[in-house]
Amino acid sequence: MRFIETWTTATLLAVRDLAPGIREFLLRPDDFTGAPYPVGSHIDVGVTIDGQPQTRSYSLVGEADPQGFRIAVRHAADSRGGSRYMWSLAPGARLNITQPASLVQLDWTRRHFCLIAGGIGITPIVGAAQALVRRDAGVTLHYAVRARSDAAYLETLERLLGERLVVHAGDEGRRLDLDGVFAGLPQDTMALFCGPMRMLDAARRAWEASGRPLTDLRYETFGSSGLLPTEAFRVRLRGEGTEFVIPRDRSMLDVLNEAGHEVMSDCRRGECGVCALDVVAVDGEIDHRDVFFSDHQKQESRKICACVSRARGTITVDTLHRADAL
């Protein structure tokens, strides 16, 4: 497997509110060394939701911090409960976390970079911007928010980037035109994106329409973001006559594994495809929240990533045949 988790215990040292509904958490592992971590790194955090232990992934903010690991969490009413748990914590709380890991691979030989962040997606972008500025690379950051007051780390980014930071605030009538942004970039530009799934889909379409290779668009994802509201749905198992209700605050992967069906998984972020299940029937609609399958595969809805994707209504899956998903 690509993801080998090394867990450790940590103390929540401090919290601070960055913007309405966004709170920063400073975590210090017991074995903290202050060693640098790669751009785009995230940590998994053990949370408790309705008495059940679960795991949530959060991007680390900025480059290595001598005090510990910084994450920022948006309090989302329609989330699966991770943000509610994190917001309930006070300094001194003890947590289980993993060591930092990153799937973001930037080509540092490039001279031009375009960073795009949507809302709380700014968290992994801060460190990328710092690293690129330190390397004297040509970098521009487009930061899309509903209102300027919602823009976390805005002052830090303004000091770092100056005019190379472009804020697209909806309340100011400045919407992000991805087609226009990409059309004006030098041809060898590499882009790094982090934002909600709907925005990512738009970015991929605009990137391809600009005639650029999709491999030059790198991205971090929200494992909980989708096109449909997060709600409970039903899953039937082919040939078993068994049906499960997937609550709004739990994943299909967790529910099936808890019931003893042993669905394999790896990243738990919708990126690797290891947990993909065959879809036999759909009575409703699937909300594909992964970045593993192509747009065409998502339209066909023959498979679903059990770790992040959800549905409206009832779906029937086969847990036995997944080899061709890898």
Protein backbone atom coordinates (compact mmCIF):
# COMPACT_ATOMS: atom_id res chain seq x y z
CA MET A 1 0.00 0.00 0.00
CA ARG A 2 1.09 3.56 -0.65
CA PHE A 3 -0.16 4.95 2.65
CA ILE A 4 1.66 3.65 5.72
CA GLU A 5 0.26 5.39 8.78
CA THR A 6 2.48 6.00 11.77
CA TRP A 7 0.38 7.17 14.70
CA THR A 8 1.54 9.19 17.65
CA THR A 9 -0.05 11.11 20.52
CA ALA A 10 -0.23 14.89 20.54
CA THR A 11 -1.41 17.78 22.68
CA LEU A 12 -3.61 20.62 21.45
CA LEU A 13 -1.54 23.65 22.46
CA ALA A 14 -3.73 26.50 21.20
CA VAL A 15 -6.71 27.46 19.09
CA ARG A 16 -7.59 30.71 17.37
CA ASP A 17 -10.41 31.83 15.11
CA LEU A 18 -9.19 32.94 11.69
CA ALA A 19 -12.50 33.91 10.08
CA PRO A 20 -16.20 33.25 10.72
CA GLY A 21 -16.52 29.48 10.97
CA ILE A 22 -12.78 28.74 10.55
CA ARG A 23 -10.58 27.82 13.51
CA GLU A 24 -6.87 27.05 13.64
CA PHE A 25 -5.50 24.27 15.87
CA LEU A 26 -1.86 24.03 16.93
CA LEU A 27 -0.95 20.41 17.69
CA ARG A 28 2.35 19.29 19.16
CA PRO A 29 3.20 15.56 18.94
CA ASP A 30 4.92 14.06 21.94
CA ASP A 31 7.82 13.05 19.68
CA PHE A 32 7.91 16.35 17.78
CA THR A 33 11.26 17.16 16.16
CA GLY A 34 10.38 20.19 14.03
CA ALA A 35 11.63 18.42 10.91
CA PRO A 36 10.38 19.87 7.62
CA TYR A 37 7.58 18.10 5.77
CA PRO A 38 6.77 18.09 2.04
CA VAL A 39 4.53 20.69 0.41
CA GLY A 40 0.89 19.62 0.51
CA SER A 41 1.29 17.42 3.56
CA HIS A 42 -1.68 16.35 5.65
CA ILE A 43 -2.16 14.48 8.90
CA ASP A 44 -4.91 12.13 9.97
CA VAL A 45 -6.55 12.92 13.29
CA GLY A 46 -8.46 10.46 15.44
CA VAL A 47 -11.90 11.88 16.26
CA THR A 48 -14.90 10.57 18.17
CA ILE A 49 -18.33 10.90 16.57
CA ASP A 50 -21.42 9.63 18.36
CA GLY A 51 -19.16 7.54 20.55
CA GLN A 52 -17.43 5.89 17.58
CA PRO A 53 -13.71 6.35 16.79
CA GLN A 54 -13.17 7.70 13.31
CA THR A 55 -10.43 9.40 11.32
CA ARG A 56 -10.32 12.73 9.51
CA SER A 57 -7.58 14.20 7.30
CA TYR A 58 -6.48 17.83 7.58
CA SER A 59 -3.88 19.71 5.54
CA LEU A 60 -0.95 21.24 7.38
CA VAL A 61 -0.76 25.02 7.12
CA GLY A 62 2.50 26.57 6.03
CA GLU A 63 5.99 25.14 5.96
CA ALA A 64 7.54 23.48 9.01
CA ASP A 65 6.61 25.27 12.25
CA PRO A 66 8.93 25.09 15.29
CA GLN A 67 5.92 24.95 17.61
CA GLY A 68 4.10 21.99 16.07
CA PHE A 69 1.55 21.18 13.36
CA ARG A 70 -1.06 23.76 12.38
CA ILE A 71 -4.37 22.77 10.83
CA ALA A 72 -7.46 24.87 10.14
CA VAL A 73 -10.97 23.42 10.32
CA ARG A 74 -14.14 24.92 8.90
CA HIS A 75 -17.17 24.29 11.08
CA ALA A 76 -19.52 22.68 8.56
CA ALA A 77 -23.11 21.95 9.57
CA ASP A 78 -23.48 19.44 6.72
CA SER A 79 -20.22 17.57 7.42
CA ARG A 80 -19.90 14.05 8.81
CA GLY A 81 -19.15 15.34 12.32
CA GLY A 82 -15.38 15.78 12.25
CA SER A 83 -15.47 19.57 12.39
CA ARG A 84 -18.00 19.49 15.22
CA TYR A 85 -15.67 17.27 17.24
CA MET A 86 -12.60 19.40 16.55
CA TRP A 87 -14.43 22.57 17.51
CA SER A 88 -15.41 20.99 20.84
CA LEU A 89 -11.76 20.67 21.88
CA ALA A 90 -9.93 23.05 24.21
CA PRO A 91 -6.19 23.56 24.70
CA GLY A 92 -4.72 20.67 26.63
CA ALA A 93 -6.78 18.03 24.84
CA ARG A 94 -4.96 14.86 23.89
CA LEU A 95 -5.27 13.47 20.36
CA ASN A 96 -3.95 10.67 18.20
CA ILE A 97 -2.48 11.87 14.92
CA THR A 98 -0.34 10.49 12.11
CA GLN A 99 2.98 11.74 10.84
CA PRO A 100 2.72 14.15 7.87
CA ALA A 101 2.33 12.63 4.41
CA SER A 102 1.92 14.24 1.00
CA LEU A 103 0.65 13.13 -2.41
CA VAL A 104 1.30 16.51 -4.03
CA GLN A 105 4.27 16.36 -6.39
CA LEU A 106 5.39 19.64 -7.87
CA ASP A 107 7.99 19.97 -10.59
CA TRP A 108 10.37 22.38 -8.92
CA THR A 109 12.25 22.92 -12.19
CA ARG A 110 9.29 24.91 -13.56
CA ARG A 111 9.52 28.67 -13.49
CA HIS A 112 5.80 29.45 -13.49
CA PHE A 113 3.17 28.29 -11.00
CA CYS A 114 -0.51 29.10 -10.58
CA LEU A 115 -2.09 28.38 -7.20
CA ILE A 116 -5.88 28.21 -6.85
CA ALA A 117 -7.73 27.93 -3.54
CA GLY A 118 -11.43 27.78 -2.79
CA GLY A 119 -12.43 28.66 0.77
CA ILE A 120 -10.81 26.41 3.37
CA GLY A 121 -8.80 24.93 0.49
CA ILE A 122 -6.27 27.65 1.25
CA THR A 123 -4.74 25.47 3.98
CA PRO A 124 -2.27 23.44 1.84
CA ILE A 125 -1.77 26.37 -0.52
CA VAL A 126 -0.13 28.59 2.14
CA GLY A 127 2.90 26.32 2.44
CA ALA A 128 3.15 25.93 -1.33
CA ALA A 129 3.19 29.71 -1.76
CA GLN A 130 5.89 30.08 0.90
CA ALA A 131 8.04 27.39 -0.70
CA LEU A 132 7.72 28.89 -4.19
CA VAL A 133 8.49 32.41 -3.03
CA ARG A 134 11.54 31.10 -1.19
CA ARG A 135 12.68 29.49 -4.45
CA ASP A 136 12.08 32.78 -6.33
CA ALA A 137 9.62 31.07 -8.69
CA GLY A 138 7.03 32.97 -10.69
CA VAL A 139 3.84 32.36 -8.71
CA THR A 140 0.32 33.78 -8.63
CA LEU A 141 -2.38 32.78 -6.16
CA HIS A 142 -6.09 33.03 -6.99
CA TYR A 143 -8.13 32.82 -3.78
CA ALA A 144 -11.91 32.39 -4.17
CA VAL A 145 -14.17 33.12 -1.18
CA ARG A 146 -17.78 34.10 -0.64
CA ALA A 147 -16.69 37.26 1.20
CA ARG A 148 -13.32 38.84 1.90
CA SER A 149 -14.01 38.43 5.62
CA ASP A 150 -14.08 34.65 5.03
CA ALA A 151 -10.51 34.59 3.70
CA ALA A 152 -8.33 32.82 6.26
CA TYR A 153 -4.61 33.73 6.31
CA LEU A 154 -5.29 36.73 4.08
CA GLU A 155 -2.85 39.09 5.84
CA THR A 156 -0.10 36.45 5.77
CA LEU A 157 -0.59 35.93 2.04
CA GLU A 158 -0.77 39.65 1.29
CA ARG A 159 2.60 40.18 2.99
CA LEU A 160 4.07 37.19 1.19
CA LEU A 161 2.73 37.74 -2.33
CA GLY A 162 1.66 41.35 -2.67
CA GLU A 163 0.09 41.91 -6.09
CA ARG A 164 0.61 38.24 -6.96
CA LEU A 165 -2.35 37.45 -4.70
CA VAL A 166 -5.73 37.87 -6.41
CA VAL A 167 -8.78 37.58 -4.13
CA HIS A 168 -12.04 36.66 -5.86
CA ALA A 169 -14.65 37.66 -3.28
CA GLY A 170 -18.27 37.04 -4.18
CA ASP A 171 -19.53 39.92 -2.05
CA GLU A 172 -17.34 42.27 -4.12
CA GLY A 173 -18.65 40.92 -7.41
CA ARG A 174 -15.33 39.31 -8.29
CA ARG A 175 -15.97 35.74 -9.34
CA LEU A 176 -13.14 33.44 -10.35
CA ASP A 177 -13.03 33.01 -14.14
CA LEU A 178 -10.93 29.87 -14.50
CA ASP A 179 -11.04 29.95 -18.31
CA GLY A 180 -9.67 33.48 -18.30
CA VAL A 181 -7.03 32.73 -15.67
CA PHE A 182 -5.70 29.67 -17.48
CA ALA A 183 -5.76 31.33 -20.88
CA GLY A 184 -3.32 33.97 -19.66
CA LEU A 185 -0.73 31.62 -18.19
CA PRO A 186 2.64 30.80 -19.81
CA GLN A 187 2.46 27.44 -21.55
CA ASP A 188 4.82 25.61 -19.16
CA THR A 189 2.90 26.67 -16.02
CA MET A 190 2.15 24.09 -13.34
CA ALA A 191 -1.01 24.62 -11.29
CA LEU A 192 -1.87 23.49 -7.78
CA PHE A 193 -5.53 23.50 -6.74
CA CYS A 194 -7.41 22.87 -3.51
CA GLY A 195 -11.11 23.42 -3.12
CA PRO A 196 -14.54 21.78 -3.16
CA MET A 197 -15.39 19.09 -5.70
CA ARG A 198 -17.63 21.28 -7.87
CA MET A 199 -14.81 23.81 -8.20
CA LEU A 200 -12.27 21.08 -8.94
CA ASP A 201 -14.45 19.71 -11.75
CA ALA A 202 -14.65 23.21 -13.23
CA ALA A 203 -10.88 23.65 -12.91
CA ARG A 204 -10.15 20.39 -14.70
CA ARG A 205 -12.52 21.26 -17.55
CA ALA A 206 -11.02 24.73 -17.93
CA TRP A 207 -7.46 23.40 -17.75
CA GLU A 208 -8.09 20.88 -20.52
CA ALA A 209 -9.96 23.47 -22.60
CA SER A 210 -6.86 25.68 -22.44
CA GLY A 211 -4.94 22.92 -24.23
CA ARG A 212 -2.73 22.05 -21.28
CA PRO A 213 -1.82 18.53 -20.15
CA LEU A 214 -3.95 17.44 -17.21
CA THR A 215 -0.77 16.16 -15.52
CA ASP A 216 0.27 19.79 -15.02
CA LEU A 217 -2.78 20.39 -12.81
CA ARG A 218 -2.11 18.99 -9.34
CA TYR A 219 -4.68 19.10 -6.58
CA GLU A 220 -5.57 18.41 -2.99
CA THR A 221 -9.12 17.30 -2.28
CA PHE A 222 -11.88 17.65 0.27
CA GLY A 223 -12.86 14.11 1.21
CA SER A 224 -16.25 15.36 2.41
CA SER A 225 -17.24 17.70 -0.41
CA GLY A 226 -19.69 16.69 -3.07
CA LEU A 227 -22.39 17.87 -5.44
CA LEU A 228 -25.28 16.63 -3.28
CA PRO A 229 -26.11 17.43 0.35
CA THR A 230 -24.65 14.98 2.86
CA GLU A 231 -27.53 12.78 3.96
CA ALA A 232 -28.23 9.18 4.96
CA PHE A 233 -28.60 6.61 2.17
CA ARG A 234 -29.05 2.87 1.81
CA VAL A 235 -26.65 0.23 0.48
CA ARG A 236 -27.72 -3.26 -0.53
CA LEU A 237 -25.24 -6.10 -1.01
CA ARG A 238 -25.66 -8.12 -4.17
CA GLY A 239 -26.74 -11.71 -3.62
CA GLU A 240 -26.96 -11.39 0.18
CA GLY A 241 -30.28 -9.68 0.77
CA THR A 242 -28.52 -7.43 3.26
CA GLU A 243 -29.18 -3.69 3.46
CA PHE A 244 -27.35 -1.05 5.46
CA VAL A 245 -28.22 2.53 6.27
CA ILE A 246 -25.19 4.80 5.88
CA PRO A 247 -25.67 7.71 8.34
CA ARG A 248 -24.75 11.20 7.20
CA ASP A 249 -21.77 11.26 9.57
CA ARG A 250 -20.25 7.91 8.56
CA SER A 251 -18.75 6.51 5.37
CA MET A 252 -19.95 3.44 3.49
CA LEU A 253 -16.46 1.98 3.99
CA ASP A 254 -16.67 2.23 7.77
CA VAL A 255 -20.20 0.83 7.98
CA LEU A 256 -19.42 -2.16 5.75
CA ASN A 257 -16.17 -2.95 7.54
CA GLU A 258 -17.82 -2.71 10.94
CA ALA A 259 -20.38 -5.24 9.72
CA GLY A 260 -17.57 -7.66 8.84
CA HIS A 261 -17.41 -7.26 5.05
CA GLU A 262 -13.72 -6.28 5.05
CA VAL A 263 -13.63 -3.80 2.20
CA MET A 264 -9.99 -3.06 1.38
CA SER A 265 -8.86 0.56 1.58
CA ASP A 266 -5.74 2.66 1.60
CA CYS A 267 -5.84 6.46 1.37
CA ARG A 268 -9.42 7.03 2.64
CA ARG A 269 -9.39 10.28 0.68
CA GLY A 270 -10.85 9.17 -2.66
CA GLU A 271 -7.49 9.25 -4.40
CA CYS A 272 -6.20 5.68 -4.73
CA GLY A 273 -9.23 3.59 -5.78
CA VAL A 274 -8.41 0.61 -3.54
CA CYS A 275 -11.84 0.71 -1.87
CA ALA A 276 -13.80 0.92 -5.17
CA LEU A 277 -16.87 -1.33 -5.28
CA ASP A 278 -18.87 -2.51 -8.28
CA VAL A 279 -22.24 -0.76 -8.53
CA VAL A 280 -24.99 -3.17 -9.57
CA ALA A 281 -28.04 -0.90 -9.37
CA VAL A 282 -28.91 2.68 -8.46
CA ASP A 283 -32.32 3.74 -7.19
CA GLY A 284 -31.54 7.40 -6.79
CA GLU A 285 -28.25 9.17 -7.55
CA ILE A 286 -24.57 8.63 -6.73
CA ASP A 287 -22.50 11.56 -5.49
CA HIS A 288 -18.96 10.75 -6.60
CA ARG A 289 -16.60 12.60 -4.24
CA ASP A 290 -13.39 10.91 -5.37
CA VAL A 291 -10.68 12.10 -7.74
CA PHE A 292 -9.70 8.58 -8.79
CA PHE A 293 -12.32 7.96 -11.49
CA SER A 294 -12.57 9.98 -14.70
CA ASP A 295 -15.60 12.13 -15.53
CA HIS A 296 -16.74 9.44 -17.97
CA GLN A 297 -16.48 6.71 -15.32
CA LYS A 298 -18.43 8.86 -12.87
CA GLN A 299 -21.18 9.38 -15.42
CA GLU A 300 -21.40 5.63 -15.97
CA SER A 301 -21.51 5.03 -12.18
CA ARG A 302 -20.40 1.44 -12.49
CA LYS A 303 -18.10 1.79 -9.48
CA ILE A 304 -18.02 3.84 -6.30
CA CYS A 305 -15.20 4.74 -3.90
CA ALA A 306 -16.59 3.57 -0.58
CA CYS A 307 -14.36 5.84 1.52
CA VAL A 308 -15.74 9.22 0.42
CA SER A 309 -18.52 8.92 -2.15
CA ARG A 310 -22.17 8.91 -1.14
CA ALA A 311 -25.61 8.62 -2.67
CA ARG A 312 -29.19 9.76 -2.52
CA GLY A 313 -31.66 6.89 -2.26
CA THR A 314 -30.49 3.26 -2.47
CA ILE A 315 -27.59 1.64 -4.31
CA THR A 316 -26.72 -2.03 -4.71
CA VAL A 317 -23.02 -2.96 -4.68
CA ASP A 318 -20.90 -6.07 -5.06
CA THR A 319 -18.12 -6.27 -2.46
CA LEU A 320 -16.33 -9.23 -4.05
CA HIS A 321 -14.93 -8.06 -7.41
CA ARG A 322 -12.80 -4.94 -7.37
CA ALA A 323 -9.51 -5.95 -8.99
CA ASP A 324 -10.08 -3.91 -12.16
CA ALA A 325 -10.54 -0.73 -10.12
CA LEU A 326 -6.82 -0.63 -9.27
